[in-house]
Amino acid sequence: MATVNFSVPDQVKQDFNRTFRDENKSAVLARLMRQAVDERRRQRRRALAVDALLRLRGRARRAGNELIRRERRMGRA
């Protein structure tokens, strides 16, 4: 197991200690760090997915006005 040393504002430390008074603080910090890592990975995956969608959109054929009108008429029938 690794030891980690972080500096945090005194108020944050006091709030943390008060909030998690009856819990294993090492376990709480490990869980919070895992959540932060997972969230960052999700953000990166979302950004890659958005980029991929935008690339696909850029290659998509443009629909002209006539095609849109025809599709609307067919959808109403």
Protein backbone atom coordinates (compact mmCIF):
# COMPACT_ATOMS: atom_id res chain seq x y z
CA MET A 1 0.00 0.00 0.00
CA ALA A 2 1.29 3.47 -0.86
CA THR A 3 1.42 6.52 1.37
CA VAL A 4 0.23 9.80 -0.13
CA ASN A 5 0.96 13.27 1.21
CA PHE A 6 -1.28 16.16 0.10
CA SER A 7 -1.58 19.69 1.38
CA VAL A 8 -5.14 20.93 1.75
CA PRO A 9 -6.59 24.06 3.31
CA ASP A 10 -7.15 23.72 7.05
CA GLN A 11 -10.91 24.27 6.66
CA VAL A 12 -11.16 21.40 4.17
CA LYS A 13 -9.30 19.10 6.57
CA GLN A 14 -11.53 20.12 9.46
CA ASP A 15 -14.70 19.60 7.41
CA PHE A 16 -13.44 16.23 6.18
CA ASN A 17 -12.55 15.04 9.67
CA ARG A 18 -15.89 16.19 11.04
CA THR A 19 -17.90 14.67 8.18
CA PHE A 20 -16.09 11.32 8.20
CA ARG A 21 -15.45 11.21 11.96
CA ASP A 22 -16.53 7.59 12.46
CA GLU A 23 -15.08 6.18 9.23
CA ASN A 24 -11.73 4.86 8.09
CA LYS A 25 -10.38 8.03 6.50
CA SER A 26 -7.83 6.16 4.39
CA ALA A 27 -10.64 4.08 2.89
CA VAL A 28 -12.74 7.21 2.29
CA LEU A 29 -9.84 8.97 0.55
CA ALA A 30 -9.08 5.89 -1.55
CA ARG A 31 -12.74 5.71 -2.63
CA LEU A 32 -12.83 9.42 -3.48
CA MET A 33 -9.58 9.15 -5.46
CA ARG A 34 -10.97 6.13 -7.37
CA GLN A 35 -14.14 8.10 -8.16
CA ALA A 36 -12.06 11.03 -9.43
CA VAL A 37 -9.99 8.73 -11.66
CA ASP A 38 -13.13 7.03 -13.01
CA GLU A 39 -14.81 10.39 -13.69
CA ARG A 40 -11.76 11.68 -15.57
CA ARG A 41 -11.74 8.52 -17.71
CA ARG A 42 -15.46 8.97 -18.47
CA GLN A 43 -14.82 12.59 -19.47
CA ARG A 44 -12.06 11.50 -21.86
CA ARG A 45 -14.25 8.77 -23.38
CA ARG A 46 -17.09 11.26 -23.86
CA ALA A 47 -14.75 13.74 -25.52
CA LEU A 48 -13.45 11.05 -27.88
CA ALA A 49 -17.01 9.98 -28.70
CA VAL A 50 -18.05 13.57 -29.45
CA ASP A 51 -15.00 14.03 -31.67
CA ALA A 52 -15.83 10.82 -33.54
CA LEU A 53 -19.44 11.91 -34.05
CA LEU A 54 -18.36 15.30 -35.32
CA ARG A 55 -15.96 13.66 -37.79
CA LEU A 56 -18.77 11.40 -39.03
CA ARG A 57 -21.10 14.36 -39.32
CA GLY A 58 -18.51 16.19 -41.39
CA ARG A 59 -18.44 13.30 -43.87
CA ALA A 60 -22.21 12.85 -44.05
CA ARG A 61 -23.99 13.74 -47.25
CA ARG A 62 -25.98 16.95 -46.99
CA ALA A 63 -29.71 16.64 -47.45
CA GLY A 64 -31.09 19.20 -49.88
CA ASN A 65 -34.40 20.98 -49.50
CA GLU A 66 -36.15 18.73 -52.01
CA LEU A 67 -35.09 15.56 -50.21
CA ILE A 68 -36.30 16.99 -46.90
CA ARG A 69 -39.67 17.97 -48.43
CA ARG A 70 -40.11 14.53 -49.99
CA GLU A 71 -39.29 12.77 -46.70
CA ARG A 72 -41.73 14.97 -44.81
CA ARG A 73 -44.50 14.21 -47.28
CA MET A 74 -43.80 10.48 -47.00
CA GLY A 75 -43.84 10.70 -43.20
CA ARG A 76 -47.25 12.36 -43.23
CA ALA A 77 -48.82 9.84 -45.52
